Amino acid sequence: LQHVGHKKIEFHISTEIPAVLQINPEKEEKNGKRVYLYATTEE
């Protein structure tokens, strides 16, 4: 089981931030690190 656990899992996530969320990045940090990426600024 230990040997199986050492396998690496990789996630390929795009580094590009959606244009909608780039409007107010400070607000995202204020509200916490975890922000719904698909939410609009208005939401």
PDB file of all heavy atoms in Angstrom:
ATOM      1  N   LEU A   1       0.827  -1.206   0.000  1.00  0.00           N
ATOM      2  CA  LEU A   1       0.000   0.000   0.000  1.00  0.00           C
ATOM      3  C   LEU A   1       0.863   1.259   0.000  1.00  0.00           C
ATOM      4  O   LEU A   1       0.558   2.233  -0.646  1.00  0.00           O
ATOM      5  CB  LEU A   1      -0.928   0.021   1.215  1.00  0.00           C
ATOM      6  CG  LEU A   1      -2.108  -0.950   1.171  1.00  0.00           C
ATOM      7  CD1 LEU A   1      -2.839  -0.967   2.498  1.00  0.00           C
ATOM      8  CD2 LEU A   1      -3.071  -0.547   0.054  1.00  0.00           C
ATOM      9  N   GLN A   2       1.995   1.194   0.760  1.00  0.00           N
ATOM     10  CA  GLN A   2       2.894   2.341   0.802  1.00  0.00           C
ATOM     11  C   GLN A   2       3.496   2.634  -0.562  1.00  0.00           C
ATOM     12  O   GLN A   2       3.616   3.757  -0.994  1.00  0.00           O
ATOM     13  CB  GLN A   2       4.008   2.102   1.821  1.00  0.00           C
ATOM     14  CG  GLN A   2       3.527   2.331   3.260  1.00  0.00           C
ATOM     15  CD  GLN A   2       4.634   2.070   4.256  1.00  0.00           C
ATOM     16  OE1 GLN A   2       5.680   1.535   3.896  1.00  0.00           O
ATOM     17  NE2 GLN A   2       4.423   2.418   5.500  1.00  0.00           N
ATOM     18  N   HIS A   3       3.849   1.551  -1.264  1.00  0.00           N
ATOM     19  CA  HIS A   3       4.440   1.728  -2.592  1.00  0.00           C
ATOM     20  C   HIS A   3       3.443   2.367  -3.550  1.00  0.00           C
ATOM     21  O   HIS A   3       3.763   3.211  -4.338  1.00  0.00           O
ATOM     22  CB  HIS A   3       4.904   0.370  -3.143  1.00  0.00           C
ATOM     23  CG  HIS A   3       6.145  -0.138  -2.454  1.00  0.00           C
ATOM     24  ND1 HIS A   3       7.320   0.577  -2.402  1.00  0.00           N
ATOM     25  CD2 HIS A   3       6.381  -1.309  -1.772  1.00  0.00           C
ATOM     26  CE1 HIS A   3       8.232  -0.110  -1.724  1.00  0.00           C
ATOM     27  NE2 HIS A   3       7.686  -1.256  -1.321  1.00  0.00           N
ATOM     28  N   VAL A   4       2.183   1.947  -3.418  1.00  0.00           N
ATOM     29  CA  VAL A   4       1.148   2.513  -4.285  1.00  0.00           C
ATOM     30  C   VAL A   4       0.952   4.000  -3.973  1.00  0.00           C
ATOM     31  O   VAL A   4       0.774   4.810  -4.863  1.00  0.00           O
ATOM     32  CB  VAL A   4      -0.201   1.753  -4.083  1.00  0.00           C
ATOM     33  CG1 VAL A   4      -1.323   2.450  -4.841  1.00  0.00           C
ATOM     34  CG2 VAL A   4      -0.050   0.317  -4.571  1.00  0.00           C
ATOM     35  N   GLY A   5       1.036   4.364  -2.680  1.00  0.00           N
ATOM     36  CA  GLY A   5       0.816   5.735  -2.252  1.00  0.00           C
ATOM     37  C   GLY A   5       1.867   6.702  -2.758  1.00  0.00           C
ATOM     38  O   GLY A   5       1.637   7.899  -2.803  1.00  0.00           O
ATOM     39  N   HIS A   6       3.035   6.203  -3.117  1.00  0.00           N
ATOM     40  CA  HIS A   6       4.101   7.090  -3.571  1.00  0.00           C
ATOM     41  C   HIS A   6       3.947   7.532  -5.011  1.00  0.00           C
ATOM     42  O   HIS A   6       4.715   8.323  -5.518  1.00  0.00           O
ATOM     43  CB  HIS A   6       5.473   6.410  -3.395  1.00  0.00           C
ATOM     44  CG  HIS A   6       5.924   6.409  -1.955  1.00  0.00           C
ATOM     45  ND1 HIS A   6       5.997   5.265  -1.194  1.00  0.00           N
ATOM     46  CD2 HIS A   6       6.307   7.424  -1.155  1.00  0.00           C
ATOM     47  CE1 HIS A   6       6.406   5.560   0.020  1.00  0.00           C
ATOM     48  NE2 HIS A   6       6.605   6.877   0.077  1.00  0.00           N
ATOM     49  N   LYS A   7       2.952   6.972  -5.703  1.00  0.00           N
ATOM     50  CA  LYS A   7       2.744   7.369  -7.092  1.00  0.00           C
ATOM     51  C   LYS A   7       2.323   8.837  -7.154  1.00  0.00           C
ATOM     52  O   LYS A   7       1.547   9.283  -6.329  1.00  0.00           O
ATOM     53  CB  LYS A   7       1.665   6.504  -7.735  1.00  0.00           C
ATOM     54  CG  LYS A   7       2.144   5.091  -8.031  1.00  0.00           C
ATOM     55  CD  LYS A   7       1.052   4.300  -8.728  1.00  0.00           C
ATOM     56  CE  LYS A   7       1.548   2.896  -9.037  1.00  0.00           C
ATOM     57  NZ  LYS A   7       0.509   2.089  -9.696  1.00  0.00           N
ATOM     58  N   LYS A   8       2.795   9.567  -8.105  1.00  0.00           N
ATOM     59  CA  LYS A   8       2.496  10.985  -8.246  1.00  0.00           C
ATOM     60  C   LYS A   8       1.237  11.199  -9.090  1.00  0.00           C
ATOM     61  O   LYS A   8       1.069  10.560 -10.114  1.00  0.00           O
ATOM     62  CB  LYS A   8       3.666  11.730  -8.886  1.00  0.00           C
ATOM     63  CG  LYS A   8       4.895  11.810  -7.994  1.00  0.00           C
ATOM     64  CD  LYS A   8       5.980  12.587  -8.673  1.00  0.00           C
ATOM     65  CE  LYS A   8       7.231  12.666  -7.789  1.00  0.00           C
ATOM     66  NZ  LYS A   8       8.316  13.397  -8.434  1.00  0.00           N
ATOM     67  N   ILE A   9       0.378  12.085  -8.599  1.00  0.00           N
ATOM     68  CA  ILE A   9      -0.814  12.451  -9.362  1.00  0.00           C
ATOM     69  C   ILE A   9      -0.624  13.888  -9.830  1.00  0.00           C
ATOM     70  O   ILE A   9      -0.357  14.784  -9.022  1.00  0.00           O
ATOM     71  CB  ILE A   9      -2.077  12.336  -8.490  1.00  0.00           C
ATOM     72  CG1 ILE A   9      -2.234  10.894  -8.016  1.00  0.00           C
ATOM     73  CG2 ILE A   9      -3.319  12.779  -9.252  1.00  0.00           C
ATOM     74  CD1 ILE A   9      -3.307  10.702  -6.982  1.00  0.00           C
ATOM     75  N   GLU A  10      -0.766  14.122 -11.071  1.00  0.00           N
ATOM     76  CA  GLU A  10      -0.539  15.448 -11.616  1.00  0.00           C
ATOM     77  C   GLU A  10      -1.839  16.048 -12.147  1.00  0.00           C
ATOM     78  O   GLU A  10      -2.662  15.350 -12.723  1.00  0.00           O
ATOM     79  CB  GLU A  10       0.497  15.393 -12.766  1.00  0.00           C
ATOM     80  CG  GLU A  10       1.884  14.995 -12.289  1.00  0.00           C
ATOM     81  CD  GLU A  10       2.884  14.984 -13.427  1.00  0.00           C
ATOM     82  OE1 GLU A  10       2.471  15.313 -14.554  1.00  0.00           O
ATOM     83  OE2 GLU A  10       4.044  14.665 -13.178  1.00  0.00           O
ATOM     84  N   PHE A  11      -1.993  17.341 -11.896  1.00  0.00           N
ATOM     85  CA  PHE A  11      -3.138  18.084 -12.434  1.00  0.00           C
ATOM     86  C   PHE A  11      -2.617  19.141 -13.393  1.00  0.00           C
ATOM     87  O   PHE A  11      -1.747  19.929 -13.025  1.00  0.00           O
ATOM     88  CB  PHE A  11      -3.934  18.779 -11.306  1.00  0.00           C
ATOM     89  CG  PHE A  11      -4.640  17.834 -10.397  1.00  0.00           C
ATOM     90  CD1 PHE A  11      -4.064  17.420  -9.205  1.00  0.00           C
ATOM     91  CD2 PHE A  11      -5.899  17.349 -10.732  1.00  0.00           C
ATOM     92  CE1 PHE A  11      -4.720  16.540  -8.384  1.00  0.00           C
ATOM     93  CE2 PHE A  11      -6.561  16.468  -9.894  1.00  0.00           C
ATOM     94  CZ  PHE A  11      -5.979  16.054  -8.727  1.00  0.00           C
ATOM     95  N   HIS A  12      -3.135  19.147 -14.567  1.00  0.00           N
ATOM     96  CA  HIS A  12      -2.722  20.158 -15.547  1.00  0.00           C
ATOM     97  C   HIS A  12      -3.766  21.271 -15.567  1.00  0.00           C
ATOM     98  O   HIS A  12      -4.815  21.142 -16.184  1.00  0.00           O
ATOM     99  CB  HIS A  12      -2.581  19.511 -16.926  1.00  0.00           C
ATOM    100  CG  HIS A  12      -1.503  18.476 -16.972  1.00  0.00           C
ATOM    101  ND1 HIS A  12      -0.165  18.785 -17.061  1.00  0.00           N
ATOM    102  CD2 HIS A  12      -1.573  17.120 -16.906  1.00  0.00           C
ATOM    103  CE1 HIS A  12       0.556  17.673 -17.050  1.00  0.00           C
ATOM    104  NE2 HIS A  12      -0.286  16.641 -16.960  1.00  0.00           N
ATOM    105  N   ILE A  13      -3.486  22.355 -14.811  1.00  0.00           N
ATOM    106  CA  ILE A  13      -4.424  23.479 -14.724  1.00  0.00           C
ATOM    107  C   ILE A  13      -3.832  24.667 -15.456  1.00  0.00           C
ATOM    108  O   ILE A  13      -2.653  25.005 -15.270  1.00  0.00           O
ATOM    109  CB  ILE A  13      -4.686  23.858 -13.247  1.00  0.00           C
ATOM    110  CG1 ILE A  13      -5.272  22.657 -12.514  1.00  0.00           C
ATOM    111  CG2 ILE A  13      -5.610  25.070 -13.134  1.00  0.00           C
ATOM    112  CD1 ILE A  13      -5.337  22.824 -11.021  1.00  0.00           C
ATOM    113  N   SER A  14      -4.659  25.291 -16.242  1.00  0.00           N
ATOM    114  CA  SER A  14      -4.207  26.451 -16.999  1.00  0.00           C
ATOM    115  C   SER A  14      -3.873  27.601 -16.053  1.00  0.00           C
ATOM    116  O   SER A  14      -4.604  27.867 -15.099  1.00  0.00           O
ATOM    117  CB  SER A  14      -5.305  26.891 -17.978  1.00  0.00           C
ATOM    118  OG  SER A  14      -4.918  28.080 -18.608  1.00  0.00           O
ATOM    119  N   THR A  15      -2.771  28.262 -16.285  1.00  0.00           N
ATOM    120  CA  THR A  15      -2.353  29.380 -15.426  1.00  0.00           C
ATOM    121  C   THR A  15      -3.051  30.675 -15.787  1.00  0.00           C
ATOM    122  O   THR A  15      -2.927  31.681 -15.098  1.00  0.00           O
ATOM    123  CB  THR A  15      -0.834  29.600 -15.510  1.00  0.00           C
ATOM    124  OG1 THR A  15      -0.489  29.772 -16.860  1.00  0.00           O
ATOM    125  CG2 THR A  15      -0.087  28.431 -14.913  1.00  0.00           C
ATOM    126  N   GLU A  16      -3.779  30.667 -16.879  1.00  0.00           N
ATOM    127  CA  GLU A  16      -4.457  31.879 -17.307  1.00  0.00           C
ATOM    128  C   GLU A  16      -5.676  32.148 -16.431  1.00  0.00           C
ATOM    129  O   GLU A  16      -6.496  31.272 -16.204  1.00  0.00           O
ATOM    130  CB  GLU A  16      -4.917  31.732 -18.765  1.00  0.00           C
ATOM    131  CG  GLU A  16      -3.754  31.706 -19.740  1.00  0.00           C
ATOM    132  CD  GLU A  16      -4.249  31.566 -21.174  1.00  0.00           C
ATOM    133  OE1 GLU A  16      -5.467  31.680 -21.379  1.00  0.00           O
ATOM    134  OE2 GLU A  16      -3.416  31.359 -22.058  1.00  0.00           O
ATOM    135  N   ILE A  17      -5.777  33.361 -15.889  1.00  0.00           N
ATOM    136  CA  ILE A  17      -6.923  33.756 -15.063  1.00  0.00           C
ATOM    137  C   ILE A  17      -7.991  34.333 -15.970  1.00  0.00           C
ATOM    138  O   ILE A  17      -7.686  35.163 -16.819  1.00  0.00           O
ATOM    139  CB  ILE A  17      -6.502  34.813 -14.017  1.00  0.00           C
ATOM    140  CG1 ILE A  17      -5.421  34.223 -13.098  1.00  0.00           C
ATOM    141  CG2 ILE A  17      -7.710  35.272 -13.198  1.00  0.00           C
ATOM    142  CD1 ILE A  17      -4.771  35.229 -12.202  1.00  0.00           C
ATOM    143  N   PRO A  18      -9.226  33.861 -15.843  1.00  0.00           N
ATOM    144  CA  PRO A  18     -10.297  34.406 -16.686  1.00  0.00           C
ATOM    145  C   PRO A  18     -10.349  35.925 -16.598  1.00  0.00           C
ATOM    146  O   PRO A  18     -10.104  36.501 -15.533  1.00  0.00           O
ATOM    147  CB  PRO A  18     -11.573  33.789 -16.098  1.00  0.00           C
ATOM    148  CG  PRO A  18     -11.100  32.558 -15.403  1.00  0.00           C
ATOM    149  CD  PRO A  18      -9.740  32.858 -14.907  1.00  0.00           C
ATOM    150  N   ALA A  19     -10.678  36.583 -17.667  1.00  0.00           N
ATOM    151  CA  ALA A  19     -10.707  38.048 -17.737  1.00  0.00           C
ATOM    152  C   ALA A  19     -11.651  38.653 -16.719  1.00  0.00           C
ATOM    153  O   ALA A  19     -11.391  39.708 -16.155  1.00  0.00           O
ATOM    154  CB  ALA A  19     -11.121  38.481 -19.147  1.00  0.00           C
ATOM    155  N   VAL A  20     -12.747  37.962 -16.440  1.00  0.00           N
ATOM    156  CA  VAL A  20     -13.745  38.475 -15.490  1.00  0.00           C
ATOM    157  C   VAL A  20     -13.163  38.619 -14.105  1.00  0.00           C
ATOM    158  O   VAL A  20     -13.417  39.577 -13.388  1.00  0.00           O
ATOM    159  CB  VAL A  20     -14.972  37.516 -15.440  1.00  0.00           C
ATOM    160  CG1 VAL A  20     -15.978  37.999 -14.427  1.00  0.00           C
ATOM    161  CG2 VAL A  20     -15.617  37.400 -16.791  1.00  0.00           C
ATOM    162  N   LEU A  21     -12.330  37.620 -13.723  1.00  0.00           N
ATOM    163  CA  LEU A  21     -11.773  37.640 -12.375  1.00  0.00           C
ATOM    164  C   LEU A  21     -10.581  38.569 -12.254  1.00  0.00           C
ATOM    165  O   LEU A  21     -10.137  38.877 -11.168  1.00  0.00           O
ATOM    166  CB  LEU A  21     -11.368  36.223 -11.953  1.00  0.00           C
ATOM    167  CG  LEU A  21     -12.528  35.227 -11.807  1.00  0.00           C
ATOM    168  CD1 LEU A  21     -11.993  33.841 -11.508  1.00  0.00           C
ATOM    169  CD2 LEU A  21     -13.480  35.669 -10.720  1.00  0.00           C
ATOM    170  N   GLN A  22     -10.019  39.024 -13.351  1.00  0.00           N
ATOM    171  CA  GLN A  22      -8.866  39.915 -13.302  1.00  0.00           C
ATOM    172  C   GLN A  22      -9.267  41.343 -12.972  1.00  0.00           C
ATOM    173  O   GLN A  22      -8.441  42.167 -12.673  1.00  0.00           O
ATOM    174  CB  GLN A  22      -8.148  39.902 -14.662  1.00  0.00           C
ATOM    175  CG  GLN A  22      -7.371  38.606 -14.900  1.00  0.00           C
ATOM    176  CD  GLN A  22      -6.701  38.586 -16.251  1.00  0.00           C
ATOM    177  OE1 GLN A  22      -6.768  39.571 -16.972  1.00  0.00           O
ATOM    178  NE2 GLN A  22      -6.059  37.484 -16.589  1.00  0.00           N
ATOM    179  N   ILE A  23     -10.574  41.635 -12.974  1.00  0.00           N
ATOM    180  CA  ILE A  23     -11.038  43.004 -12.747  1.00  0.00           C
ATOM    181  C   ILE A  23     -10.666  43.491 -11.347  1.00  0.00           C
ATOM    182  O   ILE A  23     -10.205  44.578 -11.152  1.00  0.00           O
ATOM    183  CB  ILE A  23     -12.569  43.098 -12.945  1.00  0.00           C
ATOM    184  CG1 ILE A  23     -12.893  42.830 -14.415  1.00  0.00           C
ATOM    185  CG2 ILE A  23     -13.104  44.463 -12.537  1.00  0.00           C
ATOM    186  CD1 ILE A  23     -14.363  42.646 -14.693  1.00  0.00           C
ATOM    187  N   ASN A  24     -10.859  42.623 -10.353  1.00  0.00           N
ATOM    188  CA  ASN A  24     -10.602  43.040  -8.974  1.00  0.00           C
ATOM    189  C   ASN A  24      -9.932  41.926  -8.181  1.00  0.00           C
ATOM    190  O   ASN A  24     -10.559  41.288  -7.349  1.00  0.00           O
ATOM    191  CB  ASN A  24     -11.928  43.446  -8.315  1.00  0.00           C
ATOM    192  CG  ASN A  24     -11.697  44.188  -7.004  1.00  0.00           C
ATOM    193  OD1 ASN A  24     -10.561  44.394  -6.590  1.00  0.00           O
ATOM    194  ND2 ASN A  24     -12.769  44.576  -6.353  1.00  0.00           N
ATOM    195  N   PRO A  25      -8.635  41.645  -8.448  1.00  0.00           N
ATOM    196  CA  PRO A  25      -7.943  40.552  -7.764  1.00  0.00           C
ATOM    197  C   PRO A  25      -7.843  40.754  -6.266  1.00  0.00           C
ATOM    198  O   PRO A  25      -7.804  39.819  -5.497  1.00  0.00           O
ATOM    199  CB  PRO A  25      -6.557  40.547  -8.429  1.00  0.00           C
ATOM    200  CG  PRO A  25      -6.384  41.920  -9.003  1.00  0.00           C
ATOM    201  CD  PRO A  25      -7.747  42.387  -9.369  1.00  0.00           C
ATOM    202  N   GLU A  26      -7.783  42.034  -5.795  1.00  0.00           N
ATOM    203  CA  GLU A  26      -7.666  42.297  -4.355  1.00  0.00           C
ATOM    204  C   GLU A  26      -8.879  41.771  -3.609  1.00  0.00           C
ATOM    205  O   GLU A  26      -8.806  41.291  -2.514  1.00  0.00           O
ATOM    206  CB  GLU A  26      -7.531  43.802  -4.118  1.00  0.00           C
ATOM    207  CG  GLU A  26      -6.199  44.341  -4.583  1.00  0.00           C
ATOM    208  CD  GLU A  26      -6.094  45.836  -4.357  1.00  0.00           C
ATOM    209  OE1 GLU A  26      -6.984  46.394  -3.701  1.00  0.00           O
ATOM    210  OE2 GLU A  26      -5.128  46.437  -4.831  1.00  0.00           O
ATOM    211  N   LYS A  27     -10.019  41.904  -4.227  1.00  0.00           N
ATOM    212  CA  LYS A  27     -11.275  41.484  -3.601  1.00  0.00           C
ATOM    213  C   LYS A  27     -11.253  39.977  -3.374  1.00  0.00           C
ATOM    214  O   LYS A  27     -11.759  39.467  -2.389  1.00  0.00           O
ATOM    215  CB  LYS A  27     -12.452  41.878  -4.488  1.00  0.00           C
ATOM    216  CG  LYS A  27     -13.784  41.660  -3.840  1.00  0.00           C
ATOM    217  CD  LYS A  27     -14.601  42.912  -3.880  1.00  0.00           C
ATOM    218  CE  LYS A  27     -15.851  42.743  -3.022  1.00  0.00           C
ATOM    219  NZ  LYS A  27     -16.553  43.944  -2.790  1.00  0.00           N
ATOM    220  N   GLU A  28     -10.621  39.232  -4.334  1.00  0.00           N
ATOM    221  CA  GLU A  28     -10.560  37.785  -4.205  1.00  0.00           C
ATOM    222  C   GLU A  28      -9.754  37.399  -2.977  1.00  0.00           C
ATOM    223  O   GLU A  28     -10.112  36.520  -2.226  1.00  0.00           O
ATOM    224  CB  GLU A  28      -9.930  37.169  -5.445  1.00  0.00           C
ATOM    225  CG  GLU A  28     -10.817  37.257  -6.695  1.00  0.00           C
ATOM    226  CD  GLU A  28     -10.105  36.748  -7.917  1.00  0.00           C
ATOM    227  OE1 GLU A  28      -9.309  35.811  -7.768  1.00  0.00           O
ATOM    228  OE2 GLU A  28     -10.312  37.292  -9.009  1.00  0.00           O
ATOM    229  N   GLU A  29      -8.626  38.097  -2.757  1.00  0.00           N
ATOM    230  CA  GLU A  29      -7.780  37.776  -1.614  1.00  0.00           C
ATOM    231  C   GLU A  29      -8.481  38.129  -0.314  1.00  0.00           C
ATOM    232  O   GLU A  29      -8.354  37.444   0.671  1.00  0.00           O
ATOM    233  CB  GLU A  29      -6.472  38.563  -1.723  1.00  0.00           C
ATOM    234  CG  GLU A  29      -5.541  38.010  -2.807  1.00  0.00           C
ATOM    235  CD  GLU A  29      -4.242  38.783  -2.874  1.00  0.00           C
ATOM    236  OE1 GLU A  29      -3.824  39.325  -1.835  1.00  0.00           O
ATOM    237  OE2 GLU A  29      -3.678  38.845  -3.963  1.00  0.00           O
ATOM    238  N   LYS A  30      -9.240  39.215  -0.344  1.00  0.00           N
ATOM    239  CA  LYS A  30      -9.946  39.662   0.857  1.00  0.00           C
ATOM    240  C   LYS A  30     -10.972  38.640   1.302  1.00  0.00           C
ATOM    241  O   LYS A  30     -11.154  38.348   2.451  1.00  0.00           O
ATOM    242  CB  LYS A  30     -10.650  40.985   0.556  1.00  0.00           C
ATOM    243  CG  LYS A  30     -10.265  42.094   1.498  1.00  0.00           C
ATOM    244  CD  LYS A  30     -11.068  43.318   1.183  1.00  0.00           C
ATOM    245  CE  LYS A  30     -10.178  44.544   1.328  1.00  0.00           C
ATOM    246  NZ  LYS A  30     -10.893  45.754   0.989  1.00  0.00           N
ATOM    247  N   ASN A  31     -11.684  38.086   0.337  1.00  0.00           N
ATOM    248  CA  ASN A  31     -12.759  37.147   0.641  1.00  0.00           C
ATOM    249  C   ASN A  31     -12.250  35.739   0.944  1.00  0.00           C
ATOM    250  O   ASN A  31     -13.015  34.844   1.228  1.00  0.00           O
ATOM    251  CB  ASN A  31     -13.752  37.072  -0.531  1.00  0.00           C
ATOM    252  CG  ASN A  31     -14.503  38.374  -0.681  1.00  0.00           C
ATOM    253  OD1 ASN A  31     -14.562  39.153   0.257  1.00  0.00           O
ATOM    254  ND2 ASN A  31     -15.051  38.619  -1.861  1.00  0.00           N
ATOM    255  N   GLY A  32     -10.941  35.540   0.844  1.00  0.00           N
ATOM    256  CA  GLY A  32     -10.379  34.217   1.107  1.00  0.00           C
ATOM    257  C   GLY A  32      -9.683  33.689  -0.135  1.00  0.00           C
ATOM    258  O   GLY A  32      -9.899  34.156  -1.237  1.00  0.00           O
ATOM    259  N   LYS A  33      -8.829  32.689   0.069  1.00  0.00           N
ATOM    260  CA  LYS A  33      -8.053  32.156  -1.045  1.00  0.00           C
ATOM    261  C   LYS A  33      -8.923  31.334  -1.992  1.00  0.00           C
ATOM    262  O   LYS A  33      -8.706  31.296  -3.176  1.00  0.00           O
ATOM    263  CB  LYS A  33      -6.902  31.314  -0.511  1.00  0.00           C
ATOM    264  CG  LYS A  33      -5.843  32.155   0.195  1.00  0.00           C
ATOM    265  CD  LYS A  33      -4.725  31.301   0.732  1.00  0.00           C
ATOM    266  CE  LYS A  33      -3.702  32.147   1.474  1.00  0.00           C
ATOM    267  NZ  LYS A  33      -2.620  31.349   2.043  1.00  0.00           N
ATOM    268  N   ARG A  34      -9.896  30.619  -1.414  1.00  0.00           N
ATOM    269  CA  ARG A  34     -10.719  29.771  -2.265  1.00  0.00           C
ATOM    270  C   ARG A  34     -11.878  30.574  -2.836  1.00  0.00           C
ATOM    271  O   ARG A  34     -12.755  30.977  -2.109  1.00  0.00           O
ATOM    272  CB  ARG A  34     -11.253  28.587  -1.459  1.00  0.00           C
ATOM    273  CG  ARG A  34     -10.147  27.644  -1.003  1.00  0.00           C
ATOM    274  CD  ARG A  34     -10.712  26.445  -0.284  1.00  0.00           C
ATOM    275  NE  ARG A  34      -9.655  25.595   0.216  1.00  0.00           N
ATOM    276  CZ  ARG A  34      -9.845  24.466   0.869  1.00  0.00           C
ATOM    277  NH1 ARG A  34     -11.070  24.042   1.105  1.00  0.00           N
ATOM    278  NH2 ARG A  34      -8.839  23.734   1.307  1.00  0.00           N
ATOM    279  N   VAL A  35     -11.856  30.799  -4.114  1.00  0.00           N
ATOM    280  CA  VAL A  35     -12.898  31.558  -4.796  1.00  0.00           C
ATOM    281  C   VAL A  35     -13.402  30.709  -5.946  1.00  0.00           C
ATOM    282  O   VAL A  35     -12.633  30.034  -6.611  1.00  0.00           O
ATOM    283  CB  VAL A  35     -12.344  32.898  -5.347  1.00  0.00           C
ATOM    284  CG1 VAL A  35     -13.439  33.659  -6.079  1.00  0.00           C
ATOM    285  CG2 VAL A  35     -11.778  33.731  -4.216  1.00  0.00           C
ATOM    286  N   TYR A  36     -14.712  30.711  -6.175  1.00  0.00           N
ATOM    287  CA  TYR A  36     -15.261  29.961  -7.299  1.00  0.00           C
ATOM    288  C   TYR A  36     -14.767  30.599  -8.597  1.00  0.00           C
ATOM    289  O   TYR A  36     -15.109  31.740  -8.910  1.00  0.00           O
ATOM    290  CB  TYR A  36     -16.801  29.974  -7.246  1.00  0.00           C
ATOM    291  CG  TYR A  36     -17.338  29.234  -6.050  1.00  0.00           C
ATOM    292  CD1 TYR A  36     -17.829  29.930  -4.946  1.00  0.00           C
ATOM    293  CD2 TYR A  36     -17.326  27.838  -6.012  1.00  0.00           C
ATOM    294  CE1 TYR A  36     -18.299  29.251  -3.833  1.00  0.00           C
ATOM    295  CE2 TYR A  36     -17.811  27.155  -4.903  1.00  0.00           C
ATOM    296  CZ  TYR A  36     -18.291  27.861  -3.819  1.00  0.00           C
ATOM    297  OH  TYR A  36     -18.765  27.199  -2.724  1.00  0.00           O
ATOM    298  N   LEU A  37     -13.973  29.825  -9.342  1.00  0.00           N
ATOM    299  CA  LEU A  37     -13.328  30.364 -10.530  1.00  0.00           C
ATOM    300  C   LEU A  37     -14.314  30.764 -11.620  1.00  0.00           C
ATOM    301  O   LEU A  37     -14.036  31.617 -12.427  1.00  0.00           O
ATOM    302  CB  LEU A  37     -12.338  29.335 -11.103  1.00  0.00           C
ATOM    303  CG  LEU A  37     -11.137  29.019 -10.202  1.00  0.00           C
ATOM    304  CD1 LEU A  37     -10.309  27.899 -10.799  1.00  0.00           C
ATOM    305  CD2 LEU A  37     -10.267  30.247  -9.991  1.00  0.00           C
ATOM    306  N   TYR A  38     -15.487  30.129 -11.631  1.00  0.00           N
ATOM    307  CA  TYR A  38     -16.436  30.407 -12.694  1.00  0.00           C
ATOM    308  C   TYR A  38     -17.476  31.465 -12.316  1.00  0.00           C
ATOM    309  O   TYR A  38     -18.400  31.738 -13.052  1.00  0.00           O
ATOM    310  CB  TYR A  38     -17.135  29.102 -13.119  1.00  0.00           C
ATOM    311  CG  TYR A  38     -16.172  28.103 -13.698  1.00  0.00           C
ATOM    312  CD1 TYR A  38     -15.739  27.027 -12.919  1.00  0.00           C
ATOM    313  CD2 TYR A  38     -15.658  28.252 -14.978  1.00  0.00           C
ATOM    314  CE1 TYR A  38     -14.831  26.112 -13.425  1.00  0.00           C
ATOM    315  CE2 TYR A  38     -14.760  27.343 -15.493  1.00  0.00           C
ATOM    316  CZ  TYR A  38     -14.338  26.265 -14.721  1.00  0.00           C
ATOM    317  OH  TYR A  38     -13.433  25.371 -15.228  1.00  0.00           O
ATOM    318  N   ALA A  39     -17.317  32.035 -11.126  1.00  0.00           N
ATOM    319  CA  ALA A  39     -18.253  33.091 -10.713  1.00  0.00           C
ATOM    320  C   ALA A  39     -17.872  34.391 -11.397  1.00  0.00           C
ATOM    321  O   ALA A  39     -16.698  34.680 -11.598  1.00  0.00           O
ATOM    322  CB  ALA A  39     -18.211  33.278  -9.204  1.00  0.00           C
ATOM    323  N   THR A  40     -18.864  35.199 -11.702  1.00  0.00           N
ATOM    324  CA  THR A  40     -18.598  36.501 -12.317  1.00  0.00           C
ATOM    325  C   THR A  40     -18.296  37.508 -11.226  1.00  0.00           C
ATOM    326  O   THR A  40     -18.589  37.274 -10.051  1.00  0.00           O
ATOM    327  CB  THR A  40     -19.814  36.990 -13.119  1.00  0.00           C
ATOM    328  OG1 THR A  40     -20.888  37.160 -12.219  1.00  0.00           O
ATOM    329  CG2 THR A  40     -20.198  36.014 -14.204  1.00  0.00           C
ATOM    330  N   THR A  41     -17.752  38.660 -11.613  1.00  0.00           N
ATOM    331  CA  THR A  41     -17.443  39.703 -10.638  1.00  0.00           C
ATOM    332  C   THR A  41     -18.701  40.159  -9.923  1.00  0.00           C
ATOM    333  O   THR A  41     -18.704  40.418  -8.728  1.00  0.00           O
ATOM    334  CB  THR A  41     -16.804  40.921 -11.351  1.00  0.00           C
ATOM    335  OG1 THR A  41     -15.718  40.455 -12.124  1.00  0.00           O
ATOM    336  CG2 THR A  41     -16.329  41.947 -10.345  1.00  0.00           C
ATOM    337  N   GLU A  42     -19.787  40.277 -10.667  1.00  0.00           N
ATOM    338  CA  GLU A  42     -21.052  40.737 -10.090  1.00  0.00           C
ATOM    339  C   GLU A  42     -21.537  39.776  -9.011  1.00  0.00           C
ATOM    340  O   GLU A  42     -22.000  40.171  -7.959  1.00  0.00           O
ATOM    341  CB  GLU A  42     -22.101  40.863 -11.188  1.00  0.00           C
ATOM    342  CG  GLU A  42     -23.395  41.510 -10.707  1.00  0.00           C
ATOM    343  CD  GLU A  42     -24.388  41.677 -11.845  1.00  0.00           C
ATOM    344  OE1 GLU A  42     -24.009  41.487 -13.006  1.00  0.00           O
ATOM    345  OE2 GLU A  42     -25.544  41.978 -11.520  1.00  0.00           O
ATOM    346  N   GLU A  43     -21.367  38.445  -9.272  1.00  0.00           N
ATOM    347  CA  GLU A  43     -21.789  37.440  -8.291  1.00  0.00           C
ATOM    348  C   GLU A  43     -20.949  37.514  -7.032  1.00  0.00           C
ATOM    349  O   GLU A  43     -21.442  37.361  -5.925  1.00  0.00           O
ATOM    350  CB  GLU A  43     -21.701  36.042  -8.919  1.00  0.00           C
ATOM    351  CG  GLU A  43     -22.826  35.771  -9.918  1.00  0.00           C
ATOM    352  CD  GLU A  43     -22.597  34.471 -10.676  1.00  0.00           C
ATOM    353  OE1 GLU A  43     -21.431  34.001 -10.700  1.00  0.00           O
ATOM    354  OE2 GLU A  43     -23.553  33.947 -11.232  1.00  0.00           O
TER     355      GLU A  43
END
